[in-house]
Amino acid sequence: KHDSWAATAMYSGPRFGVVCKFNRKQPIGLISTSWLGRFLAHREGFAYTRLADVSGIIRGCGPVRVAGMHWPNAVAHEFMPGHPLGASEQVNDAFFPELLRTLQAVHARGFAYVDLHKRENIVVGEDGKPYLIDFQICYFASQRSLFWPISRQVLRLLQKSDLYHLSKHVKRLRPDQLESLGLADINKRPWWIRAHRLVAVPFREGRRRLLTLLGVRGKSGRSATETFAEHAF
């Protein structure tokens, strides 16, 4: 996968497969982004470390080295055989209850997942269980931080967003479980998500048109410069 943030690929090892993400560090004009690549890799690696014992979280692989040299902008996790959650996936009765327990455990550790609106971040394992991947934009709030009173409010807001996005997936695939999972009252889009869409949607459409004009993407909005480009779900 190649996107604006990183290049990601799967590697075969002697004991298991590994998914490695190389966060972008190329400058944007005269603006350096190497610090951003290091920051994103550190945050995701930190999440895998703090959540290593949580059921439903893919295991991280620690520091990434290329030819013996540490790459601070890279992060890796074990490959989980399975497939992304589909739009018409037939999941078993335990799937969403297990995913909710995983999300609650993530929240209890001081994290908000943030990216749960993307179904492709939920992997349906070969065992039929749910697994969360991609903690690139997760949010963590430490009680020891000087900004804890503010970050706690942000954390609660983002955790509520996690539950809202989970409720959307449940409503689509297992609406019969909304009540039993306690998500029936959450299934109304919060005001902060509506406000975000007012900015994010025009930005995304404008960016897509710009990339099409530059020839990076074709008229369909899909990538036109890569041999095996991943098309978004």
Foldseek 3Di string as FASTA:
>chain_A
DDDPFWDWDWDDDPPFIKIKTQTDQDADVPHTCLVVLLVLQVQQQVLLVLCVPQPQEFHWDPFDDDPNHTDSSMTMTTDAPFFFDDLADAADPCALVSVVSSLVVSVVSQKQQQPLLASRQWGQGPVRHTHGDDSRPMDGADPPDPCNVVSVVVSVVRSLVNLQSSLVSCCRHPVVCCVVSVNPVSPDDDPVVVVVCVPVVVVVVVVLVVCCVVVQAPPVSHGDPDPDGDDGD
